[in-house]
Amino acid sequence: LQPQVSVPSVVFGMIIENLDYAQLVQSDNLLATFNGTVKQAVASVAGWGVSQDDVSLQISAGSVVVECTVVTSSEDLLAAVQAAIVSDIVRLKSELALNLRALAIFGIFKDIAMGPITVASGSDPAIFGTTQPPTTTTTTTTLPPGWTSVTTTPLPVTTAPRRCAAVEAPCLFASRCCSNRCTSLHRCGPPLVWP
């Protein structure tokens, strides 16, 4: 069973090196500053019409692994956002690293920086949450001579599934796993079951 993403979005990952993940997530202020900095950098590269509010982040350990999801207002914008990120990924990484290093120099990230902060690519931008081209079924019924009745019934719109990995498969980002859980050993974990 593959999870479905129901909102048109572009998803990609990055690895922020030389930041202490444990200390970052312990402080609401540091985490909010980090999230705001990353969201702004992603939105500026994603193109016209994408704001910080359209970017969501999921972070995990392994230096700091960041999964970025850019939600668009329509499926028509997805390819443009994906192309913008692909074409400007070098600028995104360098500007984000520069901004995070500045925060370390000016004291905000001083205690959690373990060296020069760098940004490495993790995964290429991929499109999720698109609908398949609408399909219809057509039924033709013949009536008395000269009359024809055609009934067209649209099939339900589906959501394009994302490819995902099974439990224990290697992973770097949670979105790679069908369970949406990538463990600290970089293996897909079993799904959480809530009572």
N, C-alpha and C. Protein backbone atom coordinates (compact mmCIF):
# COMPACT_ATOMS: atom_id res chain seq x y z
N LEU A 1 0.85 -1.18 0.00
CA LEU A 1 0.00 0.00 0.00
C LEU A 1 0.89 1.24 0.00
N GLN A 2 0.64 2.13 -0.94
CA GLN A 2 1.43 3.35 -1.04
C GLN A 2 0.61 4.52 -0.52
N PRO A 3 1.22 5.37 0.31
CA PRO A 3 0.49 6.54 0.80
C PRO A 3 0.18 7.49 -0.33
N GLN A 4 -0.85 8.27 -0.19
CA GLN A 4 -1.26 9.23 -1.20
C GLN A 4 -0.97 10.64 -0.70
N VAL A 5 -0.55 11.50 -1.59
CA VAL A 5 -0.37 12.91 -1.28
C VAL A 5 -1.48 13.61 -2.04
N SER A 6 -2.42 14.25 -1.34
CA SER A 6 -3.61 14.77 -2.00
C SER A 6 -3.50 16.23 -2.42
N VAL A 7 -2.44 16.91 -2.05
CA VAL A 7 -2.27 18.32 -2.40
C VAL A 7 -1.14 18.42 -3.42
N PRO A 8 -1.36 19.15 -4.54
CA PRO A 8 -0.28 19.29 -5.51
C PRO A 8 0.96 19.90 -4.84
N SER A 9 2.07 19.19 -4.90
CA SER A 9 3.27 19.68 -4.23
C SER A 9 4.54 19.14 -4.87
N VAL A 10 5.63 19.86 -4.60
CA VAL A 10 6.96 19.44 -5.02
C VAL A 10 7.73 19.13 -3.74
N VAL A 11 8.33 17.94 -3.68
CA VAL A 11 9.02 17.50 -2.47
C VAL A 11 10.48 17.21 -2.81
N PHE A 12 11.39 17.71 -1.97
CA PHE A 12 12.81 17.41 -2.14
C PHE A 12 13.49 17.49 -0.79
N GLY A 13 14.71 17.00 -0.72
CA GLY A 13 15.42 16.98 0.55
C GLY A 13 16.79 17.62 0.47
N MET A 14 17.26 18.05 1.63
CA MET A 14 18.62 18.60 1.77
C MET A 14 19.19 18.13 3.10
N ILE A 15 20.49 18.14 3.19
CA ILE A 15 21.17 17.81 4.44
C ILE A 15 21.95 19.04 4.87
N ILE A 16 21.66 19.53 6.07
CA ILE A 16 22.38 20.67 6.64
C ILE A 16 23.45 20.08 7.55
N GLU A 17 24.69 20.28 7.20
CA GLU A 17 25.80 19.67 7.94
C GLU A 17 26.37 20.64 8.97
N ASN A 18 26.86 20.07 10.06
CA ASN A 18 27.53 20.79 11.15
C ASN A 18 26.58 21.60 12.02
N LEU A 19 25.33 21.16 12.13
CA LEU A 19 24.39 21.70 13.11
C LEU A 19 23.98 20.55 14.02
N ASP A 20 23.93 20.79 15.31
CA ASP A 20 23.54 19.77 16.28
C ASP A 20 22.02 19.64 16.29
N TYR A 21 21.52 18.55 15.73
CA TYR A 21 20.07 18.32 15.61
C TYR A 21 19.39 18.31 16.98
N ALA A 22 19.96 17.60 17.93
CA ALA A 22 19.34 17.46 19.25
C ALA A 22 19.15 18.83 19.92
N GLN A 23 20.17 19.67 19.88
CA GLN A 23 20.05 21.00 20.48
C GLN A 23 19.10 21.89 19.69
N LEU A 24 19.07 21.72 18.38
CA LEU A 24 18.18 22.53 17.54
C LEU A 24 16.72 22.29 17.90
N VAL A 25 16.33 21.03 18.03
CA VAL A 25 14.92 20.73 18.30
C VAL A 25 14.52 20.96 19.76
N GLN A 26 15.50 21.10 20.64
CA GLN A 26 15.18 21.37 22.05
C GLN A 26 14.78 22.81 22.30
N SER A 27 15.15 23.70 21.43
CA SER A 27 14.85 25.11 21.63
C SER A 27 13.83 25.58 20.59
N ASP A 28 12.65 26.00 21.07
CA ASP A 28 11.62 26.49 20.17
C ASP A 28 12.10 27.70 19.36
N ASN A 29 12.87 28.57 20.00
CA ASN A 29 13.37 29.77 19.32
C ASN A 29 14.34 29.41 18.20
N LEU A 30 15.28 28.51 18.48
CA LEU A 30 16.24 28.10 17.45
C LEU A 30 15.53 27.38 16.30
N LEU A 31 14.59 26.51 16.65
CA LEU A 31 13.87 25.76 15.63
C LEU A 31 13.03 26.69 14.75
N ALA A 32 12.37 27.67 15.35
CA ALA A 32 11.57 28.63 14.58
C ALA A 32 12.46 29.46 13.66
N THR A 33 13.63 29.87 14.14
CA THR A 33 14.56 30.64 13.32
C THR A 33 15.08 29.80 12.17
N PHE A 34 15.44 28.55 12.47
CA PHE A 34 15.92 27.63 11.44
C PHE A 34 14.85 27.41 10.38
N ASN A 35 13.62 27.07 10.81
CA ASN A 35 12.52 26.82 9.88
C ASN A 35 12.24 28.05 9.01
N GLY A 36 12.20 29.22 9.61
CA GLY A 36 11.96 30.44 8.86
C GLY A 36 13.03 30.71 7.82
N THR A 37 14.29 30.47 8.19
CA THR A 37 15.41 30.70 7.28
C THR A 37 15.35 29.74 6.09
N VAL A 38 15.08 28.47 6.37
CA VAL A 38 15.01 27.48 5.29
C VAL A 38 13.79 27.76 4.39
N LYS A 39 12.65 28.02 5.00
CA LYS A 39 11.43 28.29 4.21
C LYS A 39 11.61 29.50 3.29
N GLN A 40 12.23 30.55 3.81
CA GLN A 40 12.45 31.74 2.99
C GLN A 40 13.37 31.45 1.81
N ALA A 41 14.43 30.69 2.06
CA ALA A 41 15.36 30.35 0.99
C ALA A 41 14.68 29.51 -0.08
N VAL A 42 13.90 28.53 0.34
CA VAL A 42 13.20 27.67 -0.62
C VAL A 42 12.17 28.47 -1.41
N ALA A 43 11.39 29.31 -0.74
CA ALA A 43 10.37 30.11 -1.41
C ALA A 43 10.99 31.06 -2.43
N SER A 44 12.16 31.62 -2.11
CA SER A 44 12.79 32.57 -3.03
C SER A 44 13.27 31.89 -4.31
N VAL A 45 13.60 30.61 -4.22
CA VAL A 45 14.07 29.87 -5.40
C VAL A 45 12.90 29.24 -6.16
N ALA A 46 11.82 28.90 -5.45
CA ALA A 46 10.70 28.16 -6.06
C ALA A 46 9.96 28.96 -7.13
N GLY A 47 10.09 30.26 -7.11
CA GLY A 47 9.51 31.04 -8.19
C GLY A 47 8.38 31.95 -7.76
N TRP A 48 7.90 32.70 -8.75
CA TRP A 48 6.85 33.67 -8.53
C TRP A 48 5.60 32.98 -8.00
N GLY A 49 4.98 33.60 -7.00
CA GLY A 49 3.73 33.07 -6.45
C GLY A 49 3.91 32.09 -5.31
N VAL A 50 5.16 31.74 -4.97
CA VAL A 50 5.41 30.82 -3.85
C VAL A 50 5.91 31.65 -2.68
N SER A 51 5.22 31.53 -1.54
CA SER A 51 5.64 32.26 -0.35
C SER A 51 6.12 31.28 0.71
N GLN A 52 6.64 31.82 1.79
CA GLN A 52 7.09 31.01 2.91
C GLN A 52 5.98 30.13 3.44
N ASP A 53 4.75 30.62 3.39
CA ASP A 53 3.60 29.86 3.89
C ASP A 53 3.30 28.63 3.04
N ASP A 54 3.80 28.60 1.81
CA ASP A 54 3.58 27.46 0.92
C ASP A 54 4.61 26.36 1.13
N VAL A 55 5.59 26.60 1.98
CA VAL A 55 6.68 25.65 2.21
C VAL A 55 6.50 25.03 3.60
N SER A 56 6.53 23.71 3.66
CA SER A 56 6.52 23.03 4.96
C SER A 56 7.77 22.17 5.05
N LEU A 57 8.23 21.97 6.27
CA LEU A 57 9.47 21.23 6.50
C LEU A 57 9.24 20.09 7.46
N GLN A 58 9.96 19.02 7.22
CA GLN A 58 10.04 17.93 8.18
C GLN A 58 11.52 17.70 8.39
N ILE A 59 11.97 17.80 9.64
CA ILE A 59 13.40 17.64 9.89
C ILE A 59 13.63 16.39 10.72
N SER A 60 14.81 15.81 10.52
CA SER A 60 15.19 14.63 11.28
C SER A 60 16.70 14.64 11.48
N ALA A 61 17.18 13.72 12.31
CA ALA A 61 18.60 13.65 12.64
C ALA A 61 19.40 13.08 11.47
N GLY A 62 20.69 13.25 11.54
CA GLY A 62 21.62 12.81 10.50
C GLY A 62 22.27 14.07 9.99
N SER A 63 23.06 14.77 10.84
CA SER A 63 23.30 16.20 10.78
C SER A 63 21.90 16.76 10.97
N VAL A 64 21.40 17.58 10.05
CA VAL A 64 19.97 17.94 10.08
C VAL A 64 19.43 17.65 8.68
N VAL A 65 18.60 16.63 8.60
CA VAL A 65 17.99 16.23 7.34
C VAL A 65 16.68 16.99 7.20
N VAL A 66 16.51 17.71 6.11
CA VAL A 66 15.33 18.54 5.90
C VAL A 66 14.58 18.05 4.67
N GLU A 67 13.31 17.70 4.86
CA GLU A 67 12.45 17.38 3.73
C GLU A 67 11.55 18.58 3.50
N CYS A 68 11.65 19.18 2.33
CA CYS A 68 10.88 20.38 1.98
C CYS A 68 9.72 20.00 1.08
N THR A 69 8.55 20.52 1.42
CA THR A 69 7.36 20.33 0.59
C THR A 69 6.85 21.70 0.20
N VAL A 70 6.78 21.95 -1.11
CA VAL A 70 6.28 23.22 -1.62
C VAL A 70 4.90 22.95 -2.21
N VAL A 71 3.87 23.52 -1.59
CA VAL A 71 2.50 23.34 -2.04
C VAL A 71 2.16 24.45 -3.02
N THR A 72 1.53 24.09 -4.13
CA THR A 72 1.13 25.09 -5.11
C THR A 72 -0.39 25.20 -5.15
N SER A 73 -0.86 26.30 -5.67
CA SER A 73 -2.30 26.53 -5.73
C SER A 73 -2.96 25.71 -6.83
N SER A 74 -2.17 25.26 -7.80
CA SER A 74 -2.75 24.44 -8.87
C SER A 74 -1.70 23.49 -9.42
N GLU A 75 -2.19 22.44 -10.07
CA GLU A 75 -1.28 21.48 -10.67
C GLU A 75 -0.47 22.10 -11.80
N ASP A 76 -1.00 23.14 -12.42
CA ASP A 76 -0.32 23.79 -13.54
C ASP A 76 1.02 24.40 -13.13
N LEU A 77 1.16 24.80 -11.88
CA LEU A 77 2.39 25.44 -11.42
C LEU A 77 3.47 24.45 -10.99
N LEU A 78 3.10 23.18 -10.82
CA LEU A 78 4.06 22.21 -10.28
C LEU A 78 5.32 22.08 -11.13
N ALA A 79 5.16 21.93 -12.42
CA ALA A 79 6.34 21.76 -13.28
C ALA A 79 7.24 22.99 -13.24
N ALA A 80 6.64 24.17 -13.17
CA ALA A 80 7.43 25.40 -13.12
C ALA A 80 8.21 25.48 -11.80
N VAL A 81 7.56 25.13 -10.69
CA VAL A 81 8.23 25.15 -9.38
C VAL A 81 9.35 24.12 -9.36
N GLN A 82 9.08 22.92 -9.85
CA GLN A 82 10.10 21.87 -9.90
C GLN A 82 11.29 22.32 -10.75
N ALA A 83 11.02 22.89 -11.92
CA ALA A 83 12.10 23.35 -12.80
C ALA A 83 12.90 24.49 -12.16
N ALA A 84 12.21 25.39 -11.46
CA ALA A 84 12.91 26.50 -10.80
C ALA A 84 13.85 25.98 -9.72
N ILE A 85 13.39 25.01 -8.95
CA ILE A 85 14.24 24.46 -7.88
C ILE A 85 15.43 23.72 -8.49
N VAL A 86 15.17 22.92 -9.51
CA VAL A 86 16.26 22.17 -10.16
C VAL A 86 17.30 23.12 -10.73
N SER A 87 16.84 24.17 -11.42
CA SER A 87 17.79 25.07 -12.07
C SER A 87 18.55 25.96 -11.08
N ASP A 88 17.96 26.20 -9.90
CA ASP A 88 18.61 27.09 -8.92
C ASP A 88 19.05 26.37 -7.65
N ILE A 89 19.21 25.05 -7.70
CA ILE A 89 19.57 24.31 -6.49
C ILE A 89 20.93 24.73 -5.95
N VAL A 90 21.86 25.08 -6.82
CA VAL A 90 23.19 25.52 -6.37
C VAL A 90 23.06 26.84 -5.62
N ARG A 91 22.26 27.77 -6.17
CA ARG A 91 22.04 29.05 -5.49
C ARG A 91 21.31 28.83 -4.16
N LEU A 92 20.32 27.95 -4.15
CA LEU A 92 19.59 27.66 -2.91
C LEU A 92 20.54 27.16 -1.83
N LYS A 93 21.38 26.18 -2.18
CA LYS A 93 22.30 25.62 -1.19
C LYS A 93 23.30 26.66 -0.70
N SER A 94 23.86 27.46 -1.60
CA SER A 94 24.88 28.42 -1.18
C SER A 94 24.26 29.56 -0.35
N GLU A 95 23.11 30.08 -0.77
CA GLU A 95 22.48 31.16 0.00
C GLU A 95 21.99 30.67 1.36
N LEU A 96 21.43 29.47 1.40
CA LEU A 96 20.96 28.92 2.68
C LEU A 96 22.15 28.70 3.62
N ALA A 97 23.23 28.15 3.12
CA ALA A 97 24.42 27.94 3.95
C ALA A 97 24.96 29.27 4.45
N LEU A 98 25.00 30.27 3.58
CA LEU A 98 25.48 31.60 3.96
C LEU A 98 24.61 32.20 5.07
N ASN A 99 23.29 32.09 4.92
CA ASN A 99 22.38 32.63 5.95
C ASN A 99 22.51 31.89 7.27
N LEU A 100 22.64 30.58 7.22
CA LEU A 100 22.78 29.80 8.47
C LEU A 100 24.13 30.08 9.13
N ARG A 101 25.19 30.24 8.32
CA ARG A 101 26.50 30.59 8.90
C ARG A 101 26.46 31.97 9.53
N ALA A 102 25.75 32.91 8.91
CA ALA A 102 25.62 34.26 9.49
C ALA A 102 24.92 34.18 10.84
N LEU A 103 23.90 33.33 10.94
CA LEU A 103 23.20 33.17 12.23
C LEU A 103 24.13 32.58 13.28
N ALA A 104 25.04 31.71 12.86
CA ALA A 104 26.02 31.15 13.80
C ALA A 104 27.03 32.20 14.22
N ILE A 105 27.49 33.01 13.28
CA ILE A 105 28.48 34.05 13.59
C ILE A 105 27.90 35.10 14.53
N PHE A 106 26.66 35.47 14.29
CA PHE A 106 26.04 36.51 15.12
C PHE A 106 25.42 35.97 16.40
N GLY A 107 25.68 34.73 16.71
CA GLY A 107 25.34 34.21 18.02
C GLY A 107 24.09 33.36 18.13
N ILE A 108 23.16 33.44 17.17
CA ILE A 108 21.91 32.69 17.32
C ILE A 108 22.17 31.19 17.29
N PHE A 109 22.99 30.72 16.34
CA PHE A 109 23.29 29.30 16.23
C PHE A 109 24.70 28.97 16.75
N LYS A 110 25.30 29.89 17.48
CA LYS A 110 26.68 29.72 17.95
C LYS A 110 26.86 28.42 18.73
N ASP A 111 25.92 28.12 19.63
CA ASP A 111 26.07 26.96 20.49
C ASP A 111 25.74 25.63 19.81
N ILE A 112 25.06 25.67 18.66
CA ILE A 112 24.69 24.41 18.01
C ILE A 112 25.49 24.16 16.73
N ALA A 113 26.31 25.13 16.31
CA ALA A 113 27.16 24.94 15.13
C ALA A 113 28.39 24.16 15.56
N MET A 114 28.68 23.09 14.83
CA MET A 114 29.82 22.23 15.16
C MET A 114 30.95 22.40 14.15
N GLY A 115 30.92 23.48 13.41
CA GLY A 115 31.89 23.74 12.35
C GLY A 115 31.22 24.59 11.29
N PRO A 116 31.86 24.77 10.15
CA PRO A 116 31.24 25.55 9.08
C PRO A 116 29.97 24.86 8.58
N ILE A 117 28.87 25.58 8.59
CA ILE A 117 27.58 25.01 8.17
C ILE A 117 27.56 24.93 6.65
N THR A 118 27.25 23.75 6.15
CA THR A 118 27.14 23.53 4.71
C THR A 118 25.81 22.86 4.41
N VAL A 119 25.38 22.97 3.15
CA VAL A 119 24.13 22.36 2.71
C VAL A 119 24.46 21.41 1.57
N ALA A 120 24.06 20.16 1.74
CA ALA A 120 24.28 19.14 0.71
C ALA A 120 22.93 18.74 0.12
N SER A 121 22.94 18.35 -1.12
CA SER A 121 21.70 17.87 -1.73
C SER A 121 21.35 16.51 -1.16
N GLY A 122 20.08 16.26 -1.02
CA GLY A 122 19.64 14.96 -0.54
C GLY A 122 18.83 14.22 -1.58
N SER A 123 17.89 14.90 -2.20
CA SER A 123 17.08 14.27 -3.23
C SER A 123 16.61 15.31 -4.22
N ASP A 124 16.36 14.86 -5.43
CA ASP A 124 15.88 15.74 -6.48
C ASP A 124 14.41 16.08 -6.24
N PRO A 125 13.97 17.27 -6.65
CA PRO A 125 12.57 17.63 -6.50
C PRO A 125 11.66 16.69 -7.29
N ALA A 126 10.61 16.21 -6.65
CA ALA A 126 9.65 15.32 -7.29
C ALA A 126 8.25 15.88 -7.09
N ILE A 127 7.38 15.63 -8.04
CA ILE A 127 6.00 16.12 -7.98
C ILE A 127 5.10 15.03 -7.41
N PHE A 128 4.27 15.41 -6.44
CA PHE A 128 3.29 14.51 -5.83
C PHE A 128 1.93 15.19 -5.77
N GLY A 129 0.90 14.37 -5.63
CA GLY A 129 -0.45 14.89 -5.40
C GLY A 129 -1.16 15.37 -6.64
N THR A 130 -0.74 14.91 -7.80
CA THR A 130 -1.42 15.32 -9.02
C THR A 130 -2.50 14.32 -9.35
N THR A 131 -3.49 14.77 -10.04
CA THR A 131 -4.55 13.85 -10.46
C THR A 131 -4.21 13.28 -11.81
N GLN A 132 -4.65 12.07 -12.03
CA GLN A 132 -4.47 11.45 -13.33
C GLN A 132 -5.35 12.18 -14.33
N PRO A 133 -5.03 12.15 -15.61
CA PRO A 133 -5.92 12.78 -16.59
C PRO A 133 -7.33 12.19 -16.46
N PRO A 134 -8.35 13.04 -16.45
CA PRO A 134 -9.68 12.52 -16.28
C PRO A 134 -10.05 11.57 -17.42
N THR A 135 -10.69 10.48 -17.04
CA THR A 135 -11.11 9.48 -18.01
C THR A 135 -12.62 9.37 -17.93
N THR A 136 -13.23 9.01 -19.02
CA THR A 136 -14.68 8.87 -19.02
C THR A 136 -15.06 7.56 -19.67
N THR A 137 -16.26 7.11 -19.36
CA THR A 137 -16.84 5.97 -20.06
C THR A 137 -18.01 6.50 -20.85
N THR A 138 -18.18 6.00 -22.03
CA THR A 138 -19.27 6.46 -22.87
C THR A 138 -20.16 5.28 -23.22
N THR A 139 -21.46 5.45 -23.05
CA THR A 139 -22.43 4.43 -23.40
C THR A 139 -23.34 5.00 -24.47
N THR A 140 -23.50 4.28 -25.55
CA THR A 140 -24.39 4.72 -26.62
C THR A 140 -25.58 3.78 -26.68
N THR A 141 -26.74 4.36 -26.64
CA THR A 141 -27.98 3.59 -26.72
C THR A 141 -28.71 4.03 -27.98
N THR A 142 -29.12 3.07 -28.78
CA THR A 142 -29.86 3.40 -30.00
C THR A 142 -31.35 3.38 -29.70
N LEU A 143 -32.01 4.45 -30.08
CA LEU A 143 -33.44 4.60 -29.89
C LEU A 143 -34.12 4.44 -31.25
N PRO A 144 -35.35 4.83 -31.37
CA PRO A 144 -36.01 4.71 -32.69
C PRO A 144 -35.18 5.37 -33.78
N PRO A 145 -35.40 5.00 -35.05
CA PRO A 145 -34.59 5.53 -36.15
C PRO A 145 -34.41 7.04 -36.09
N GLY A 146 -33.14 7.46 -36.22
CA GLY A 146 -32.82 8.88 -36.21
C GLY A 146 -32.51 9.44 -34.84
N TRP A 147 -32.72 8.68 -33.79
CA TRP A 147 -32.45 9.13 -32.42
C TRP A 147 -31.30 8.33 -31.84
N THR A 148 -30.37 9.00 -31.17
CA THR A 148 -29.27 8.33 -30.48
C THR A 148 -29.07 9.00 -29.13
N SER A 149 -28.84 8.21 -28.11
CA SER A 149 -28.59 8.74 -26.78
C SER A 149 -27.17 8.37 -26.37
N VAL A 150 -26.40 9.36 -25.97
CA VAL A 150 -25.02 9.13 -25.52
C VAL A 150 -24.92 9.60 -24.08
N THR A 151 -24.48 8.70 -23.22
CA THR A 151 -24.28 9.04 -21.81
C THR A 151 -22.80 8.96 -21.50
N THR A 152 -22.23 10.04 -20.99
CA THR A 152 -20.82 10.06 -20.63
C THR A 152 -20.73 10.19 -19.11
N THR A 153 -20.06 9.21 -18.51
CA THR A 153 -19.91 9.20 -17.06
C THR A 153 -18.44 9.34 -16.71
N PRO A 154 -18.04 10.41 -16.01
CA PRO A 154 -16.63 10.52 -15.64
C PRO A 154 -16.27 9.51 -14.56
N LEU A 155 -15.10 8.94 -14.69
CA LEU A 155 -14.59 8.07 -13.65
C LEU A 155 -14.07 8.93 -12.51
N PRO A 156 -14.02 8.40 -11.29
CA PRO A 156 -13.54 9.21 -10.18
C PRO A 156 -12.09 9.66 -10.40
N VAL A 157 -11.81 10.89 -10.00
CA VAL A 157 -10.45 11.42 -10.11
C VAL A 157 -9.60 10.74 -9.07
N THR A 158 -8.43 10.31 -9.47
CA THR A 158 -7.53 9.64 -8.54
C THR A 158 -6.33 10.52 -8.26
N THR A 159 -5.60 10.17 -7.26
CA THR A 159 -4.38 10.89 -6.93
C THR A 159 -3.19 10.03 -7.32
N ALA A 160 -2.21 10.64 -7.96
CA ALA A 160 -1.02 9.90 -8.37
C ALA A 160 -0.26 9.45 -7.13
N PRO A 161 -0.02 8.16 -6.99
CA PRO A 161 0.71 7.69 -5.81
C PRO A 161 2.19 7.99 -5.93
N ARG A 162 2.86 8.06 -4.80
CA ARG A 162 4.30 8.23 -4.83
C ARG A 162 4.94 6.87 -4.61
N ARG A 163 6.09 6.68 -5.18
CA ARG A 163 6.82 5.43 -4.96
C ARG A 163 7.42 5.50 -3.57
N CYS A 164 7.37 4.39 -2.86
CA CYS A 164 7.92 4.39 -1.51
C CYS A 164 8.58 3.04 -1.23
N ALA A 165 9.39 3.03 -0.18
CA ALA A 165 10.17 1.84 0.17
C ALA A 165 9.52 1.11 1.35
N ALA A 166 9.71 -0.20 1.37
CA ALA A 166 9.15 -1.05 2.43
C ALA A 166 9.98 -0.93 3.71
N VAL A 167 9.46 -1.50 4.79
CA VAL A 167 10.15 -1.52 6.07
C VAL A 167 11.52 -2.18 5.90
N GLU A 168 12.55 -1.58 6.52
CA GLU A 168 13.95 -2.01 6.50
C GLU A 168 14.70 -1.63 5.23
N ALA A 169 14.05 -0.99 4.27
CA ALA A 169 14.76 -0.52 3.09
C ALA A 169 15.60 0.70 3.47
N PRO A 170 16.72 0.95 2.78
CA PRO A 170 17.53 2.13 3.11
C PRO A 170 16.77 3.43 2.80
N CYS A 171 16.99 4.44 3.63
CA CYS A 171 16.31 5.72 3.43
C CYS A 171 17.19 6.84 3.96
N LEU A 172 16.92 8.04 3.47
CA LEU A 172 17.55 9.24 3.98
C LEU A 172 16.48 10.20 4.49
N PHE A 173 15.30 10.14 3.86
CA PHE A 173 14.19 11.00 4.22
C PHE A 173 12.96 10.15 4.52
N ALA A 174 12.13 10.62 5.43
CA ALA A 174 10.91 9.90 5.80
C ALA A 174 9.99 9.70 4.61
N SER A 175 9.96 10.65 3.69
CA SER A 175 9.05 10.53 2.55
C SER A 175 9.42 9.36 1.63
N ARG A 176 10.61 8.85 1.74
CA ARG A 176 11.03 7.69 0.93
C ARG A 176 10.32 6.42 1.39
N CYS A 177 9.90 6.36 2.65
CA CYS A 177 9.33 5.16 3.25
C CYS A 177 7.80 5.17 3.16
N CYS A 178 7.22 4.00 2.87
CA CYS A 178 5.76 3.88 2.83
C CYS A 178 5.16 4.21 4.20
N SER A 179 5.89 3.92 5.25
CA SER A 179 5.41 4.21 6.61
C SER A 179 5.63 5.66 6.99
N ASN A 180 6.37 6.39 6.15
CA ASN A 180 6.74 7.79 6.42
C ASN A 180 7.61 7.88 7.67
N ARG A 181 8.40 6.83 7.94
CA ARG A 181 9.30 6.79 9.09
C ARG A 181 10.67 6.30 8.66
N CYS A 182 11.67 7.17 8.72
CA CYS A 182 13.05 6.81 8.44
C CYS A 182 13.79 6.86 9.77
N THR A 183 14.32 5.73 10.23
CA THR A 183 14.94 5.65 11.55
C THR A 183 16.32 6.30 11.56
N SER A 184 16.89 6.45 12.73
CA SER A 184 18.22 7.05 12.85
C SER A 184 19.29 6.17 12.22
N LEU A 185 18.97 4.89 11.96
CA LEU A 185 19.90 3.99 11.27
C LEU A 185 19.69 4.03 9.76
N HIS A 186 18.87 5.00 9.31
CA HIS A 186 18.57 5.19 7.89
C HIS A 186 17.97 3.95 7.25
N ARG A 187 17.00 3.37 7.97
CA ARG A 187 16.19 2.26 7.48
C ARG A 187 14.73 2.63 7.68
N CYS A 188 13.87 2.26 6.74
CA CYS A 188 12.44 2.54 6.88
C CYS A 188 11.89 1.77 8.07
N GLY A 189 11.22 2.48 8.96
CA GLY A 189 10.66 1.88 10.15
C GLY A 189 9.23 1.43 9.88
N PRO A 190 8.69 0.61 10.80
CA PRO A 190 7.30 0.17 10.65
C PRO A 190 6.35 1.35 10.92
N PRO A 191 5.15 1.28 10.37
CA PRO A 191 4.20 2.38 10.62
C PRO A 191 3.81 2.43 12.09
N LEU A 192 3.53 3.63 12.57
CA LEU A 192 3.07 3.78 13.94
C LEU A 192 1.61 3.38 14.01
N VAL A 193 1.26 2.65 15.04
CA VAL A 193 -0.14 2.24 15.24
C VAL A 193 -0.60 2.90 16.53
N TRP A 194 -1.63 3.72 16.42
CA TRP A 194 -2.15 4.43 17.58
C TRP A 194 -3.34 3.66 18.13
N PRO A 195 -3.41 3.55 19.47
CA PRO A 195 -4.53 2.79 20.06
C PRO A 195 -5.86 3.47 19.81
